[in-house]
N, C-alpha and C. Protein backbone atom coordinates (compact mmCIF):
# COMPACT_ATOMS: atom_id res chain seq x y z
N MET A 1 1.21 -1.51 0.69
CA MET A 1 -0.23 0.02 0.00
C MET A 1 0.50 1.23 0.46
N LYS A 2 0.64 1.49 -0.83
CA LYS A 2 1.30 3.38 -0.83
C LYS A 2 0.27 4.32 -0.66
N LEU A 3 1.13 5.33 0.10
CA LEU A 3 0.33 6.19 0.48
C LEU A 3 0.35 8.08 -0.54
N PRO A 4 0.09 8.70 -0.12
CA PRO A 4 0.46 9.84 -1.51
C PRO A 4 1.21 10.59 -0.40
N SER A 5 2.07 10.94 -0.44
CA SER A 5 4.00 12.70 0.29
C SER A 5 2.68 13.80 0.23
N ASP A 6 1.50 14.13 0.09
CA ASP A 6 0.65 15.34 0.83
C ASP A 6 0.32 14.85 2.51
N LEU A 7 0.38 13.58 2.77
CA LEU A 7 -0.37 13.07 4.18
C LEU A 7 1.00 13.88 5.90
N GLY A 8 1.81 13.68 4.71
CA GLY A 8 3.28 13.95 5.51
C GLY A 8 3.04 15.38 6.88
N THR A 9 4.01 16.08 7.33
CA THR A 9 4.29 16.36 8.18
C THR A 9 4.62 17.57 8.04
N ASN A 10 5.58 17.86 7.12
CA ASN A 10 6.45 18.43 6.96
C ASN A 10 6.13 20.05 6.47
N ALA A 11 5.34 20.15 6.54
CA ALA A 11 4.51 21.69 5.79
C ALA A 11 3.95 21.71 7.51
N VAL A 12 4.55 21.34 8.48
CA VAL A 12 4.48 22.70 9.95
C VAL A 12 5.52 23.04 10.12
N LYS A 13 5.52 24.46 10.99
CA LYS A 13 5.94 25.58 11.68
C LYS A 13 6.12 25.97 12.67
N ASN A 14 7.04 25.60 13.84
CA ASN A 14 6.91 26.22 14.12
C ASN A 14 7.76 27.58 14.46
N ALA A 15 6.80 28.24 16.04
CA ALA A 15 6.97 29.39 15.73
C ALA A 15 8.19 29.52 16.94
N LYS A 16 8.82 30.01 16.24
CA LYS A 16 10.04 30.47 17.78
C LYS A 16 10.26 32.08 18.21
N ILE A 17 9.70 32.10 19.37
CA ILE A 17 10.25 33.46 20.12
C ILE A 17 10.68 33.07 21.13
N THR A 18 11.54 34.36 21.46
CA THR A 18 12.87 34.26 22.60
C THR A 18 12.43 35.50 23.29
N VAL A 19 11.90 35.10 24.82
CA VAL A 19 11.90 35.75 25.86
C VAL A 19 13.21 36.11 26.25
N TYR A 20 14.25 38.32 26.14
CA TYR A 20 15.17 38.56 27.42
C TYR A 20 14.76 39.72 28.02
N PRO A 21 14.88 40.01 29.51
CA PRO A 21 15.88 39.53 29.70
C PRO A 21 15.18 38.73 30.84
N ASN A 22 15.24 37.03 31.32
CA ASN A 22 14.10 36.11 31.45
C ASN A 22 15.55 36.16 32.76
N PRO A 23 14.90 36.33 34.25
CA PRO A 23 13.99 36.86 35.36
C PRO A 23 14.16 38.33 35.05
N VAL A 24 12.84 38.79 35.04
CA VAL A 24 12.54 40.60 33.91
C VAL A 24 12.09 41.16 36.10
N ASN A 25 12.81 42.36 35.36
CA ASN A 25 12.66 43.94 36.47
C ASN A 25 10.93 44.33 35.91
N ASN A 26 11.16 45.28 35.20
CA ASN A 26 10.48 45.57 34.29
C ASN A 26 9.65 46.12 32.83
N VAL A 27 10.92 45.18 31.62
CA VAL A 27 10.65 45.73 30.25
C VAL A 27 11.30 43.83 29.96
N LEU A 28 9.46 43.04 29.13
CA LEU A 28 10.46 42.12 28.75
C LEU A 28 10.21 42.76 26.60
N HIS A 29 11.60 41.73 26.85
CA HIS A 29 12.32 42.05 25.38
C HIS A 29 11.60 40.70 24.37
N PHE A 30 10.98 40.72 22.73
CA PHE A 30 11.03 39.62 22.30
C PHE A 30 12.22 40.61 21.29
N SER A 31 12.49 38.54 20.67
CA SER A 31 13.08 38.43 19.10
C SER A 31 12.95 37.16 18.82
N GLY A 32 12.92 37.25 17.38
CA GLY A 32 12.57 35.81 16.30
C GLY A 32 11.89 36.64 15.00
N THR A 33 12.35 35.10 14.49
CA THR A 33 11.41 35.62 12.97
C THR A 33 10.09 36.29 12.13
N ASP A 34 9.57 35.13 13.59
CA ASP A 34 7.57 35.71 13.38
C ASP A 34 7.11 36.92 13.25
N LYS A 35 6.30 37.67 13.79
CA LYS A 35 5.84 38.93 13.81
C LYS A 35 4.66 38.00 15.49
N ILE A 36 4.78 38.48 15.95
CA ILE A 36 3.59 38.88 17.35
C ILE A 36 2.34 39.21 17.57
N LEU A 37 1.61 38.66 16.52
CA LEU A 37 0.34 39.02 16.99
C LEU A 37 -0.76 39.21 18.17
N ASP A 38 -0.63 38.49 19.27
CA ASP A 38 -1.36 38.41 20.84
C ASP A 38 -0.36 38.14 21.16
N THR A 39 0.18 38.54 23.04
CA THR A 39 0.54 38.18 24.24
C THR A 39 -0.57 38.14 24.81
N GLU A 40 -0.38 36.93 25.59
CA GLU A 40 -0.83 37.18 27.53
C GLU A 40 0.13 36.62 28.14
N ILE A 41 -0.60 37.09 28.95
CA ILE A 41 -0.17 36.70 30.54
C ILE A 41 -0.86 35.60 31.90
N TYR A 42 -0.45 34.80 31.62
CA TYR A 42 -1.05 34.00 33.11
C TYR A 42 -0.21 33.80 34.03
N ASN A 43 -1.05 33.74 35.60
CA ASN A 43 -0.08 33.15 36.11
C ASN A 43 0.04 31.79 36.44
N MET A 44 0.78 31.37 38.18
CA MET A 44 0.85 29.54 37.89
C MET A 44 -1.00 29.16 38.63
N ALA A 45 -1.65 29.75 38.34
CA ALA A 45 -3.11 29.20 39.17
C ALA A 45 -4.32 29.40 37.54
N GLY A 46 -3.50 29.76 36.85
CA GLY A 46 -3.74 29.70 35.11
C GLY A 46 -5.02 31.26 35.64
N GLN A 47 -5.19 32.40 36.15
CA GLN A 47 -5.74 33.47 35.92
C GLN A 47 -4.65 34.14 34.46
N LYS A 48 -5.22 34.88 34.38
CA LYS A 48 -4.82 36.21 32.96
C LYS A 48 -4.88 37.35 33.64
N VAL A 49 -3.00 37.43 34.29
CA VAL A 49 -3.14 38.76 35.27
C VAL A 49 -2.06 39.71 33.96
N LEU A 50 -2.54 39.43 32.33
CA LEU A 50 -1.81 40.53 31.57
C LEU A 50 -2.34 40.95 30.04
N SER A 51 -2.47 40.55 29.19
CA SER A 51 -3.47 41.22 27.73
C SER A 51 -2.87 41.92 27.16
N ALA A 52 -1.37 41.82 26.08
CA ALA A 52 -0.98 42.81 25.42
C ALA A 52 -0.98 42.98 24.30
N GLY A 53 -1.96 42.29 23.81
CA GLY A 53 -1.99 42.09 22.14
C GLY A 53 -0.72 42.48 21.59
N LYS A 54 -0.05 43.00 20.07
CA LYS A 54 0.64 43.20 19.82
C LYS A 54 1.78 43.95 20.84
N VAL A 55 3.02 43.81 20.62
CA VAL A 55 4.45 44.07 21.18
C VAL A 55 4.91 45.08 19.53
N SER A 56 5.33 46.53 21.20
CA SER A 56 6.13 47.18 20.67
C SER A 56 7.29 46.86 20.02
N GLY A 57 8.40 48.44 19.14
CA GLY A 57 9.48 47.30 18.83
C GLY A 57 10.84 48.15 20.38
N GLU A 58 10.04 48.77 21.52
CA GLU A 58 9.95 48.82 22.96
C GLU A 58 9.47 47.58 24.39
N GLY A 59 8.99 47.17 23.65
CA GLY A 59 9.17 45.14 24.76
C GLY A 59 7.61 45.95 25.56
N LEU A 60 7.46 44.53 25.99
CA LEU A 60 6.57 44.54 26.61
C LEU A 60 6.04 44.83 27.89
N ASN A 61 6.01 46.30 29.15
CA ASN A 61 6.00 46.63 30.29
C ASN A 61 5.47 44.88 30.73
N VAL A 62 6.08 44.90 32.23
CA VAL A 62 5.31 43.55 33.29
C VAL A 62 5.87 44.27 34.63
N SER A 63 6.04 46.33 34.57
CA SER A 63 6.42 46.23 36.10
C SER A 63 4.32 47.15 37.15
N LYS A 64 3.74 45.99 36.74
CA LYS A 64 3.01 45.97 38.04
C LYS A 64 2.93 44.76 38.02
N LEU A 65 3.24 43.55 37.39
CA LEU A 65 3.53 42.10 38.42
C LEU A 65 4.34 42.04 39.18
N THR A 66 3.22 41.24 39.85
CA THR A 66 3.91 40.28 41.42
C THR A 66 4.97 39.59 41.02
N LYS A 67 6.10 39.71 41.67
CA LYS A 67 6.89 38.74 41.73
C LYS A 67 6.82 37.20 41.56
N GLY A 68 7.26 37.10 41.66
CA GLY A 68 6.49 35.14 40.79
C GLY A 68 6.87 34.60 39.65
N ALA A 69 6.46 33.06 39.90
CA ALA A 69 6.51 32.67 38.45
C ALA A 69 4.90 32.59 37.33
N TYR A 70 5.22 32.94 36.01
CA TYR A 70 4.33 33.06 35.05
C TYR A 70 4.92 32.77 34.29
N ILE A 71 3.49 32.89 33.73
CA ILE A 71 3.57 32.36 31.71
C ILE A 71 2.93 32.83 30.55
N LEU A 72 4.27 32.68 30.01
CA LEU A 72 3.69 34.14 28.17
C LEU A 72 2.88 33.18 27.89
N LYS A 73 2.29 33.54 26.47
CA LYS A 73 1.93 32.66 26.15
C LYS A 73 1.73 34.04 24.68
N VAL A 74 2.49 33.45 23.17
CA VAL A 74 2.79 34.44 22.97
C VAL A 74 2.47 33.58 21.37
N LYS A 75 1.12 34.61 20.50
CA LYS A 75 0.60 33.61 19.20
C LYS A 75 1.30 34.48 18.38
N THR A 76 1.87 34.07 17.40
CA THR A 76 2.02 34.35 15.39
C THR A 76 1.57 33.47 14.33
N ALA A 77 1.70 34.03 13.76
CA ALA A 77 1.42 33.65 12.60
C ALA A 77 1.38 31.89 12.51
N ALA A 78 3.31 31.37 12.63
CA ALA A 78 3.04 30.12 12.89
C ALA A 78 2.23 29.19 14.21
N GLY A 79 1.78 29.90 15.33
CA GLY A 79 1.21 29.18 15.15
C GLY A 79 1.67 29.83 16.57
N PRO A 80 0.72 29.18 17.94
CA PRO A 80 1.12 30.02 19.47
C PRO A 80 2.21 28.91 20.79
N GLN A 81 3.31 30.58 21.20
CA GLN A 81 4.07 29.08 21.24
C GLN A 81 4.15 29.94 23.79
N SER A 82 3.93 29.02 24.46
CA SER A 82 4.33 29.60 26.11
C SER A 82 5.94 28.99 26.53
N ILE A 83 5.71 29.72 27.31
CA ILE A 83 7.29 30.58 28.31
C ILE A 83 7.82 30.49 29.43
N LYS A 84 7.87 30.15 30.36
CA LYS A 84 8.41 30.37 31.79
C LYS A 84 8.88 31.46 31.87
N LEU A 85 7.94 32.26 32.72
CA LEU A 85 8.73 33.64 32.86
C LEU A 85 9.30 34.09 34.11
N ILE A 86 10.13 34.19 35.12
CA ILE A 86 9.55 34.83 36.01
C ILE A 86 9.64 36.50 36.32
N LYS A 87 9.25 36.30 37.57
CA LYS A 87 9.00 38.48 37.79
C LYS A 87 10.14 38.91 38.57
N LYS A 88 11.75 39.03 38.63
CA LYS A 88 12.05 39.89 40.08
C LYS A 88 11.21 40.54 41.00
């Protein structure tokens, strides 16, 4: 039995966004080739604590967050990505 070649997963793209500095004090910066469409930050209880949408060239201001661990969800055209974030 021969399967058509278009059933493979070669066309799947992975979003690769990097954030720095991590741990962060006030401003979180992003690097990567994909355009960021949406950003959200969740605490470890799963509650959304910040929703920023598109990120400007100056980065994302996270100074209002309290110290602790968070999950940053970044949506790009290539797909979503979740990144663990530490706030100092």
